[in-house]
Structure formats: C-alpha cells, structure tokens
C-alpha cells in the first residue's frame, strides 16, 4: 500500500514538473519572440497557449488603435479640405469626403480560438502609417540628453515620438 502511494505521488509530481517545464518553455519562446521583434510569432504563441488576459489586452488595444486611426483619418481629411477651401473658393472639387471605415479590420476576440493575427498586424501597421506620415530620422542621441546613452529601444521610441 505504501509503495502504491509512493508511486502515485511520484506520478503526480512528475506530471506537475512536466507542466511547469512546458509553461517555462512557452514563456521563454514568447520572450524570445518579443526580443526579436517578431510580433506575428508572439501573437501566434499567445493564441496557441490561450493566454486570455494578454489577448484581451491586445483586443482592447486593437479597438483603441482602430478608433484612433479613424479619428486621425477624419482630422487629416478635414485639414486637407480646409486647406483646399482656403486656397480656392471653388468647393466643388468632385472629391468624396467619405473614407473607408473598413480600412481597419474588426478583430474582436470573443475567445482565444478566434484570434486573427494578420488582422491585428494589419491594423497596427495601418494606424502607424496614418499617424506617422511625416518620418523623422533620429540617428544619434540628442545632445540635450545627458547622464548616459539611450538604448536601441529608447532610440526607436524617441524616433516614434518625434515622427
């Protein structure tokens, strides 16, 4: 009876250990994908391992990007319209002021099996190109920043901010 109990205990401990190793490997894979800036692989790993909390955050972020992107597009159209109207009083230029609201794909995530990685990536890229039409290059650390040097990801953030 004691041997049977020891055997059962060992099997349970082995199963727990295998599950722990599997989770550690999955976490290392996700971190590696992030370090390599491979967003698509990261999203696929999240989908595969059904990490609902992170997927919900990504879904909410996607909704925000979609809304923000549409607002940017409306603002740009209004600005272009005002500039055209101020340059010439001819309002009938034959241009349609409506824009394609479907430019951003819907990626609501009801459960982890419905994640559309390509739509998430497309929405991110679409928003980025709308918001950053003016591209500023930051090749070196600004002289005003003292007390150390910026890391690569900080320089990328600075370039994003400047653009």
N, C-alpha and C. Protein backbone atom coordinates (compact mmCIF):
# COMPACT_ATOMS: atom_id res chain seq x y z
N UNK A 1 0.81 -1.18 0.00
CA UNK A 1 0.00 0.00 0.00
C UNK A 1 0.87 1.26 0.00
N UNK A 2 1.94 1.26 0.78
CA UNK A 2 2.84 2.41 0.82
C UNK A 2 3.55 2.58 -0.51
N UNK A 3 3.92 1.48 -1.13
CA UNK A 3 4.57 1.57 -2.43
C UNK A 3 3.63 2.14 -3.48
N UNK A 4 2.37 1.74 -3.43
CA UNK A 4 1.37 2.26 -4.36
C UNK A 4 1.18 3.77 -4.14
N UNK A 5 1.15 4.19 -2.90
CA UNK A 5 1.00 5.61 -2.57
C UNK A 5 2.22 6.39 -3.05
N UNK A 6 3.42 5.83 -2.85
CA UNK A 6 4.65 6.49 -3.31
C UNK A 6 4.65 6.61 -4.82
N UNK A 7 4.22 5.55 -5.51
CA UNK A 7 4.17 5.55 -6.96
C UNK A 7 3.18 6.60 -7.46
N UNK A 8 2.02 6.68 -6.84
CA UNK A 8 1.01 7.67 -7.22
C UNK A 8 1.55 9.08 -6.98
N UNK A 9 2.19 9.29 -5.85
CA UNK A 9 2.76 10.59 -5.53
C UNK A 9 3.82 10.98 -6.55
N UNK A 10 4.66 10.03 -6.92
CA UNK A 10 5.72 10.30 -7.91
C UNK A 10 5.11 10.66 -9.26
N UNK A 11 4.07 9.94 -9.67
CA UNK A 11 3.42 10.25 -10.95
C UNK A 11 2.83 11.65 -10.95
N UNK A 12 2.19 12.03 -9.86
CA UNK A 12 1.61 13.37 -9.76
C UNK A 12 2.72 14.42 -9.79
N UNK A 13 3.80 14.20 -9.06
CA UNK A 13 4.92 15.15 -9.06
C UNK A 13 5.54 15.26 -10.44
N UNK A 14 5.68 14.14 -11.14
CA UNK A 14 6.24 14.16 -12.50
C UNK A 14 5.34 14.95 -13.45
N UNK A 15 4.04 14.74 -13.31
CA UNK A 15 3.09 15.45 -14.17
C UNK A 15 3.16 16.96 -13.91
N UNK A 16 3.22 17.33 -12.64
CA UNK A 16 3.34 18.75 -12.28
C UNK A 16 4.64 19.33 -12.82
N UNK A 17 5.72 18.58 -12.73
CA UNK A 17 7.02 19.04 -13.22
C UNK A 17 7.00 19.22 -14.75
N UNK A 18 6.40 18.26 -15.46
CA UNK A 18 6.29 18.38 -16.93
C UNK A 18 5.48 19.61 -17.32
N UNK A 19 4.40 19.85 -16.61
CA UNK A 19 3.57 21.03 -16.89
C UNK A 19 4.33 22.32 -16.60
N UNK A 20 5.10 22.34 -15.52
CA UNK A 20 5.92 23.52 -15.19
C UNK A 20 6.95 23.79 -16.28
N UNK A 21 7.62 22.71 -16.75
CA UNK A 21 8.62 22.86 -17.82
C UNK A 21 7.98 23.35 -19.10
N UNK A 22 6.79 22.83 -19.42
CA UNK A 22 6.08 23.25 -20.63
C UNK A 22 5.75 24.74 -20.55
N UNK A 23 5.26 25.19 -19.40
CA UNK A 23 4.93 26.61 -19.23
C UNK A 23 6.18 27.48 -19.31
N UNK A 24 7.28 27.04 -18.70
CA UNK A 24 8.54 27.79 -18.78
C UNK A 24 9.02 27.92 -20.21
N UNK A 25 8.92 26.82 -20.98
CA UNK A 25 9.34 26.84 -22.38
C UNK A 25 8.48 27.80 -23.19
N UNK A 26 7.18 27.77 -22.94
CA UNK A 26 6.27 28.66 -23.66
C UNK A 26 6.60 30.12 -23.33
N UNK A 27 6.87 30.40 -22.06
CA UNK A 27 7.21 31.76 -21.66
C UNK A 27 8.52 32.21 -22.30
N UNK A 28 9.52 31.33 -22.33
CA UNK A 28 10.80 31.66 -22.96
C UNK A 28 10.62 31.91 -24.46
N UNK A 29 9.77 31.12 -25.11
CA UNK A 29 9.50 31.32 -26.54
C UNK A 29 8.86 32.68 -26.78
N UNK A 30 7.90 33.06 -25.92
CA UNK A 30 7.24 34.36 -26.09
C UNK A 30 8.24 35.49 -25.88
N UNK A 31 9.09 35.36 -24.86
CA UNK A 31 10.09 36.41 -24.60
C UNK A 31 11.08 36.50 -25.75
N UNK A 32 11.49 35.35 -26.29
CA UNK A 32 12.40 35.35 -27.44
C UNK A 32 11.76 36.06 -28.63
N UNK A 33 10.48 35.77 -28.88
CA UNK A 33 9.77 36.42 -30.00
C UNK A 33 9.70 37.93 -29.79
N UNK A 34 9.48 38.36 -28.56
CA UNK A 34 9.45 39.79 -28.28
C UNK A 34 10.81 40.43 -28.49
N UNK A 35 11.86 39.77 -28.02
CA UNK A 35 13.21 40.31 -28.17
C UNK A 35 13.60 40.42 -29.63
N UNK A 36 13.13 39.50 -30.44
CA UNK A 36 13.44 39.51 -31.87
C UNK A 36 12.48 40.40 -32.65
N UNK A 37 11.58 41.09 -31.95
CA UNK A 37 10.59 41.98 -32.57
C UNK A 37 9.72 41.22 -33.57
N UNK A 38 9.46 39.95 -33.31
CA UNK A 38 8.63 39.12 -34.18
C UNK A 38 7.21 39.09 -33.61
N UNK A 39 6.46 40.15 -33.89
CA UNK A 39 5.13 40.30 -33.32
C UNK A 39 4.19 39.19 -33.77
N UNK A 40 4.31 38.80 -35.01
CA UNK A 40 3.41 37.76 -35.53
C UNK A 40 3.65 36.43 -34.80
N UNK A 41 4.90 36.07 -34.59
CA UNK A 41 5.21 34.83 -33.86
C UNK A 41 4.72 34.93 -32.42
N UNK A 42 4.88 36.11 -31.82
CA UNK A 42 4.42 36.30 -30.44
C UNK A 42 2.91 36.12 -30.34
N UNK A 43 2.17 36.72 -31.28
CA UNK A 43 0.72 36.58 -31.25
C UNK A 43 0.29 35.14 -31.50
N UNK A 44 1.00 34.46 -32.38
CA UNK A 44 0.69 33.04 -32.61
C UNK A 44 0.94 32.20 -31.37
N UNK A 45 2.03 32.50 -30.65
CA UNK A 45 2.31 31.78 -29.41
C UNK A 45 1.23 32.05 -28.36
N UNK A 46 0.78 33.29 -28.28
CA UNK A 46 -0.29 33.61 -27.34
C UNK A 46 -1.56 32.85 -27.69
N UNK A 47 -1.85 32.83 -28.98
CA UNK A 47 -3.05 32.12 -29.45
C UNK A 47 -2.93 30.63 -29.14
N UNK A 48 -1.77 30.08 -29.40
CA UNK A 48 -1.54 28.65 -29.19
C UNK A 48 -1.70 28.27 -27.72
N UNK A 49 -1.20 29.12 -26.84
CA UNK A 49 -1.24 28.80 -25.41
C UNK A 49 -2.45 29.40 -24.71
N UNK A 50 -3.32 30.03 -25.50
CA UNK A 50 -4.60 30.54 -24.99
C UNK A 50 -4.42 31.42 -23.76
N UNK A 51 -3.54 32.37 -23.87
CA UNK A 51 -3.30 33.31 -22.79
C UNK A 51 -4.34 34.43 -22.90
N UNK A 52 -5.48 34.23 -22.25
CA UNK A 52 -6.64 35.09 -22.44
C UNK A 52 -6.43 36.52 -21.94
N UNK A 53 -5.72 36.69 -20.84
CA UNK A 53 -5.53 38.05 -20.31
C UNK A 53 -4.78 38.92 -21.31
N UNK A 54 -3.69 38.41 -21.84
CA UNK A 54 -2.90 39.19 -22.79
C UNK A 54 -3.68 39.39 -24.08
N UNK A 55 -4.41 38.37 -24.53
CA UNK A 55 -5.21 38.51 -25.74
C UNK A 55 -6.31 39.55 -25.56
N UNK A 56 -6.90 39.63 -24.38
CA UNK A 56 -7.92 40.65 -24.13
C UNK A 56 -7.30 42.04 -24.15
N UNK A 57 -6.11 42.17 -23.58
CA UNK A 57 -5.42 43.47 -23.63
C UNK A 57 -5.12 43.84 -25.09
N UNK A 58 -4.66 42.87 -25.88
CA UNK A 58 -4.39 43.14 -27.29
C UNK A 58 -5.66 43.51 -28.04
N UNK A 59 -6.76 42.86 -27.72
CA UNK A 59 -8.03 43.17 -28.36
C UNK A 59 -8.47 44.60 -28.04
N UNK A 60 -8.35 44.99 -26.77
CA UNK A 60 -8.71 46.34 -26.38
C UNK A 60 -7.77 47.36 -27.04
N UNK A 61 -6.49 47.03 -27.11
CA UNK A 61 -5.54 47.92 -27.77
C UNK A 61 -5.89 48.06 -29.24
N UNK A 62 -6.27 46.96 -29.87
CA UNK A 62 -6.65 46.99 -31.28
C UNK A 62 -7.88 47.87 -31.49
N UNK A 63 -8.87 47.75 -30.62
CA UNK A 63 -10.07 48.59 -30.72
C UNK A 63 -9.68 50.06 -30.60
N UNK A 64 -8.80 50.36 -29.66
CA UNK A 64 -8.34 51.73 -29.46
C UNK A 64 -7.60 52.23 -30.69
N UNK A 65 -6.71 51.41 -31.25
CA UNK A 65 -5.97 51.81 -32.45
C UNK A 65 -6.92 52.06 -33.62
N UNK A 66 -7.94 51.22 -33.75
CA UNK A 66 -8.91 51.38 -34.82
C UNK A 66 -9.64 52.71 -34.67
N UNK A 67 -10.11 53.00 -33.47
CA UNK A 67 -10.83 54.25 -33.22
C UNK A 67 -9.91 55.45 -33.43
N UNK A 68 -8.71 55.35 -32.89
CA UNK A 68 -7.75 56.44 -33.02
C UNK A 68 -7.36 56.65 -34.48
N UNK A 69 -7.16 55.57 -35.20
CA UNK A 69 -6.80 55.66 -36.61
C UNK A 69 -7.89 56.32 -37.44
N UNK A 70 -9.14 55.97 -37.15
CA UNK A 70 -10.25 56.60 -37.86
C UNK A 70 -10.33 58.09 -37.53
N UNK A 71 -10.08 58.44 -36.27
CA UNK A 71 -10.09 59.85 -35.88
C UNK A 71 -8.96 60.62 -36.58
N UNK A 72 -7.79 60.00 -36.68
CA UNK A 72 -6.68 60.64 -37.39
C UNK A 72 -7.05 60.86 -38.84
N UNK A 73 -7.65 59.86 -39.45
CA UNK A 73 -8.05 59.96 -40.86
C UNK A 73 -9.06 61.08 -41.07
N UNK A 74 -10.06 61.19 -40.17
CA UNK A 74 -11.06 62.25 -40.26
C UNK A 74 -10.39 63.61 -40.12
N UNK A 75 -9.48 63.73 -39.16
CA UNK A 75 -8.78 65.00 -38.94
C UNK A 75 -7.96 65.40 -40.17
N UNK A 76 -7.28 64.43 -40.77
CA UNK A 76 -6.48 64.74 -41.96
C UNK A 76 -7.37 65.17 -43.12
N UNK A 77 -8.50 64.49 -43.29
CA UNK A 77 -9.44 64.86 -44.37
C UNK A 77 -9.96 66.28 -44.14
N UNK A 78 -10.33 66.61 -42.89
CA UNK A 78 -10.83 67.94 -42.58
C UNK A 78 -9.77 69.00 -42.81
N UNK A 79 -8.54 68.71 -42.43
CA UNK A 79 -7.45 69.66 -42.64
C UNK A 79 -7.20 69.88 -44.12
N UNK A 80 -7.18 68.80 -44.89
CA UNK A 80 -6.99 68.92 -46.34
C UNK A 80 -8.12 69.73 -46.96
N UNK A 81 -9.33 69.51 -46.50
CA UNK A 81 -10.49 70.22 -47.03
C UNK A 81 -10.39 71.71 -46.72
N UNK A 82 -10.01 72.06 -45.47
CA UNK A 82 -9.85 73.46 -45.11
C UNK A 82 -8.75 74.13 -45.91
N UNK A 83 -7.63 73.41 -46.14
CA UNK A 83 -6.54 73.98 -46.93
C UNK A 83 -6.98 74.22 -48.37
N UNK A 84 -7.70 73.29 -48.94
CA UNK A 84 -8.19 73.45 -50.32
C UNK A 84 -9.18 74.61 -50.41
N UNK A 85 -10.05 74.71 -49.39
CA UNK A 85 -11.04 75.79 -49.41
C UNK A 85 -10.38 77.15 -49.21
N UNK A 86 -9.32 77.20 -48.45
CA UNK A 86 -8.66 78.49 -48.24
C UNK A 86 -7.84 78.90 -49.46
N UNK A 87 -7.35 77.94 -50.22
CA UNK A 87 -6.56 78.26 -51.41
C UNK A 87 -7.45 78.65 -52.58
N UNK A 88 -8.57 78.02 -52.68
CA UNK A 88 -9.50 78.36 -53.77
C UNK A 88 -10.91 78.31 -53.21
N UNK A 89 -11.73 79.21 -53.65
CA UNK A 89 -13.10 79.27 -53.15
C UNK A 89 -14.00 78.26 -53.84
N UNK A 90 -13.47 77.53 -54.80
CA UNK A 90 -14.25 76.52 -55.51
C UNK A 90 -14.37 75.29 -54.62
N UNK A 91 -15.56 75.09 -54.06
CA UNK A 91 -15.78 73.98 -53.15
C UNK A 91 -16.09 72.69 -53.90
N UNK A 92 -16.58 72.80 -55.08
CA UNK A 92 -16.98 71.59 -55.82
C UNK A 92 -15.77 71.02 -56.56
N UNK A 93 -14.98 70.26 -55.86
CA UNK A 93 -13.81 69.66 -56.48
C UNK A 93 -14.07 68.22 -56.89
N UNK A 94 -15.30 67.75 -56.65
CA UNK A 94 -15.66 66.39 -57.08
C UNK A 94 -15.08 65.30 -56.22
N UNK A 95 -14.47 65.66 -55.12
CA UNK A 95 -13.84 64.67 -54.26
C UNK A 95 -14.84 64.18 -53.23
N UNK A 96 -14.84 62.91 -52.95
CA UNK A 96 -15.71 62.31 -51.95
C UNK A 96 -15.02 62.40 -50.61
N UNK A 97 -15.65 63.08 -49.64
CA UNK A 97 -15.03 63.25 -48.33
C UNK A 97 -15.17 62.05 -47.43
N UNK A 98 -15.94 61.05 -47.85
CA UNK A 98 -16.05 59.84 -47.05
C UNK A 98 -14.77 59.04 -47.16
N UNK A 99 -14.48 58.29 -46.15
CA UNK A 99 -13.31 57.43 -46.17
C UNK A 99 -13.75 56.02 -45.86
N UNK A 100 -12.87 55.12 -46.13
CA UNK A 100 -13.19 53.71 -45.95
C UNK A 100 -13.04 53.32 -44.49
N UNK A 101 -14.17 53.20 -43.80
CA UNK A 101 -14.14 52.82 -42.39
C UNK A 101 -13.76 51.36 -42.23
N UNK A 102 -13.77 50.62 -43.31
CA UNK A 102 -13.40 49.21 -43.24
C UNK A 102 -11.91 49.02 -43.44
N UNK A 103 -11.18 50.14 -43.54
CA UNK A 103 -9.73 50.04 -43.70
C UNK A 103 -9.11 49.30 -42.53
N UNK A 104 -9.72 49.49 -41.37
CA UNK A 104 -9.30 48.76 -40.18
C UNK A 104 -10.21 47.55 -40.04
N UNK A 105 -9.62 46.38 -39.96
CA UNK A 105 -10.41 45.16 -39.83
C UNK A 105 -10.85 44.96 -38.40
N UNK A 106 -12.05 44.44 -38.23
CA UNK A 106 -12.55 44.14 -36.89
C UNK A 106 -11.85 42.90 -36.37
N UNK A 107 -11.33 43.01 -35.17
CA UNK A 107 -10.63 41.87 -34.58
C UNK A 107 -11.09 41.65 -33.14
N UNK A 108 -12.39 41.74 -32.92
CA UNK A 108 -12.89 41.47 -31.58
C UNK A 108 -12.59 40.03 -31.23
N UNK A 109 -12.09 39.83 -30.04
CA UNK A 109 -11.70 38.50 -29.61
C UNK A 109 -12.74 38.00 -28.61
N UNK A 110 -13.59 37.09 -29.06
CA UNK A 110 -14.60 36.52 -28.17
C UNK A 110 -13.99 35.40 -27.34
N UNK A 111 -13.19 34.59 -27.97
CA UNK A 111 -12.43 33.58 -27.22
C UNK A 111 -11.10 33.40 -27.93
N UNK A 112 -10.21 32.69 -27.31
CA UNK A 112 -8.84 32.62 -27.80
C UNK A 112 -8.71 31.87 -29.12
N UNK A 113 -9.72 31.13 -29.52
CA UNK A 113 -9.64 30.40 -30.78
C UNK A 113 -9.93 31.29 -31.98
N UNK A 114 -10.45 32.50 -31.74
CA UNK A 114 -10.85 33.36 -32.85
C UNK A 114 -9.84 34.47 -33.16
N UNK A 115 -8.67 34.42 -32.61
CA UNK A 115 -7.69 35.48 -32.81
C UNK A 115 -7.25 35.50 -34.27
N UNK A 116 -7.35 36.67 -34.88
CA UNK A 116 -6.89 36.84 -36.25
C UNK A 116 -5.61 37.65 -36.22
N UNK A 117 -4.49 36.95 -36.21
CA UNK A 117 -3.19 37.58 -36.06
C UNK A 117 -2.92 38.54 -37.21
N UNK A 118 -3.26 38.16 -38.42
CA UNK A 118 -2.99 39.02 -39.57
C UNK A 118 -3.79 40.33 -39.49
N UNK A 119 -5.02 40.27 -39.01
CA UNK A 119 -5.83 41.48 -38.87
C UNK A 119 -5.23 42.39 -37.80
N UNK A 120 -4.77 41.83 -36.69
CA UNK A 120 -4.12 42.64 -35.65
C UNK A 120 -2.89 43.34 -36.21
N UNK A 121 -2.08 42.61 -36.95
CA UNK A 121 -0.86 43.20 -37.53
C UNK A 121 -1.23 44.28 -38.56
N UNK A 122 -2.24 44.02 -39.39
CA UNK A 122 -2.64 44.98 -40.41
C UNK A 122 -3.14 46.26 -39.76
N UNK A 123 -3.96 46.13 -38.71
CA UNK A 123 -4.47 47.32 -38.02
C UNK A 123 -3.35 48.13 -37.40
N UNK A 124 -2.38 47.45 -36.82
CA UNK A 124 -1.25 48.14 -36.21
C UNK A 124 -0.48 48.91 -37.29
N UNK A 125 -0.21 48.26 -38.41
CA UNK A 125 0.54 48.91 -39.49
C UNK A 125 -0.26 50.04 -40.13
N UNK A 126 -1.57 49.84 -40.31
CA UNK A 126 -2.40 50.87 -40.91
C UNK A 126 -2.41 52.12 -40.03
N UNK A 127 -2.61 51.92 -38.73
CA UNK A 127 -2.60 53.06 -37.82
C UNK A 127 -1.24 53.75 -37.86
N UNK A 128 -0.17 52.98 -37.81
CA UNK A 128 1.17 53.57 -37.79
C UNK A 128 1.40 54.43 -39.03
N UNK A 129 0.99 53.93 -40.20
CA UNK A 129 1.22 54.70 -41.43
C UNK A 129 0.33 55.94 -41.49
N UNK A 130 -0.87 55.86 -40.94
CA UNK A 130 -1.74 57.04 -40.90
C UNK A 130 -1.19 58.11 -39.97
N UNK A 131 -0.77 57.69 -38.80
CA UNK A 131 -0.33 58.64 -37.78
C UNK A 131 1.07 59.19 -38.05
N UNK A 132 1.88 58.45 -38.78
CA UNK A 132 3.27 58.84 -38.97
C UNK A 132 3.59 59.05 -40.44
N UNK A 133 2.84 59.95 -41.07
CA UNK A 133 3.13 60.23 -42.47
C UNK A 133 4.41 61.03 -42.62
N UNK A 134 4.73 61.83 -41.61
CA UNK A 134 5.99 62.57 -41.59
C UNK A 134 7.01 61.72 -40.85
N UNK A 135 8.03 61.27 -41.54
CA UNK A 135 9.03 60.38 -40.93
C UNK A 135 10.28 61.18 -40.61
N UNK A 136 10.59 61.28 -39.34
CA UNK A 136 11.80 61.96 -38.89
C UNK A 136 12.83 60.91 -38.50
N UNK A 137 14.04 61.08 -38.95
CA UNK A 137 15.12 60.15 -38.62
C UNK A 137 15.89 60.66 -37.40
N UNK A 138 16.09 59.79 -36.44
CA UNK A 138 16.92 60.11 -35.27
C UNK A 138 18.12 59.17 -35.35
N UNK A 139 19.25 59.72 -35.79
CA UNK A 139 20.44 58.89 -35.99
C UNK A 139 21.35 58.84 -34.78
N UNK A 140 21.30 59.87 -33.97
CA UNK A 140 22.18 59.89 -32.80
C UNK A 140 21.41 60.46 -31.62
N UNK A 141 21.95 60.22 -30.45
CA UNK A 141 21.30 60.70 -29.23
C UNK A 141 21.34 62.22 -29.20
N UNK A 142 20.22 62.87 -28.87
CA UNK A 142 20.22 64.33 -28.77
C UNK A 142 21.22 64.82 -27.72
N UNK A 143 21.86 65.94 -28.01
CA UNK A 143 22.88 66.50 -27.11
C UNK A 143 22.28 66.94 -25.78
N UNK A 144 20.99 67.26 -25.78
CA UNK A 144 20.33 67.72 -24.55
C UNK A 144 20.21 66.61 -23.52
N UNK A 145 20.19 65.37 -23.97
CA UNK A 145 20.07 64.24 -23.05
C UNK A 145 21.44 63.89 -22.50
N UNK A 146 21.59 64.09 -21.21
CA UNK A 146 22.87 63.82 -20.56
C UNK A 146 22.66 62.79 -19.47
N UNK A 147 23.73 62.20 -19.01
CA UNK A 147 23.64 61.24 -17.92
C UNK A 147 23.63 59.80 -18.40
N UNK A 148 24.06 59.56 -19.59
CA UNK A 148 24.08 58.20 -20.12
C UNK A 148 23.65 58.20 -21.57
N UNK A 149 23.66 57.03 -22.14
CA UNK A 149 23.25 56.92 -23.54
C UNK A 149 21.96 56.11 -23.63
N UNK A 150 21.18 56.43 -24.63
CA UNK A 150 19.91 55.73 -24.84
C UNK A 150 20.16 54.37 -25.46
N UNK A 151 19.36 53.41 -25.07
CA UNK A 151 19.43 52.07 -25.66
C UNK A 151 18.65 52.07 -26.97
N UNK A 152 18.81 50.98 -27.71
CA UNK A 152 18.18 50.90 -29.04
C UNK A 152 16.67 51.09 -28.97
N UNK A 153 16.01 50.42 -28.04
CA UNK A 153 14.56 50.54 -27.96
C UNK A 153 14.15 51.96 -27.54
N UNK A 154 14.99 52.63 -26.76
CA UNK A 154 14.70 54.00 -26.38
C UNK A 154 14.84 54.94 -27.58
N UNK A 155 15.86 54.68 -28.42
CA UNK A 155 16.04 55.48 -29.63
C UNK A 155 14.85 55.27 -30.58
N UNK A 156 14.37 54.03 -30.68
CA UNK A 156 13.20 53.76 -31.51
C UNK A 156 11.97 54.49 -30.98
N UNK A 157 11.82 54.50 -29.66
CA UNK A 157 10.71 55.22 -29.05
C UNK A 157 10.81 56.72 -29.30
N UNK A 158 12.02 57.25 -29.21
CA UNK A 158 12.24 58.66 -29.48
C UNK A 158 11.91 59.00 -30.93
N UNK A 159 12.34 58.13 -31.85
CA UNK A 159 12.03 58.35 -33.26
C UNK A 159 10.52 58.30 -33.50
N UNK A 160 9.83 57.37 -32.84
CA UNK A 160 8.39 57.28 -32.97
C UNK A 160 7.74 58.55 -32.44
N UNK A 161 8.23 59.04 -31.29
CA UNK A 161 7.68 60.23 -30.68
C UNK A 161 7.88 61.46 -31.56
N UNK A 162 9.06 61.57 -32.14
CA UNK A 162 9.37 62.72 -32.99
C UNK A 162 8.54 62.67 -34.28
N UNK A 163 8.34 61.49 -34.81
CA UNK A 163 7.56 61.35 -36.04
C UNK A 163 6.10 61.60 -35.74
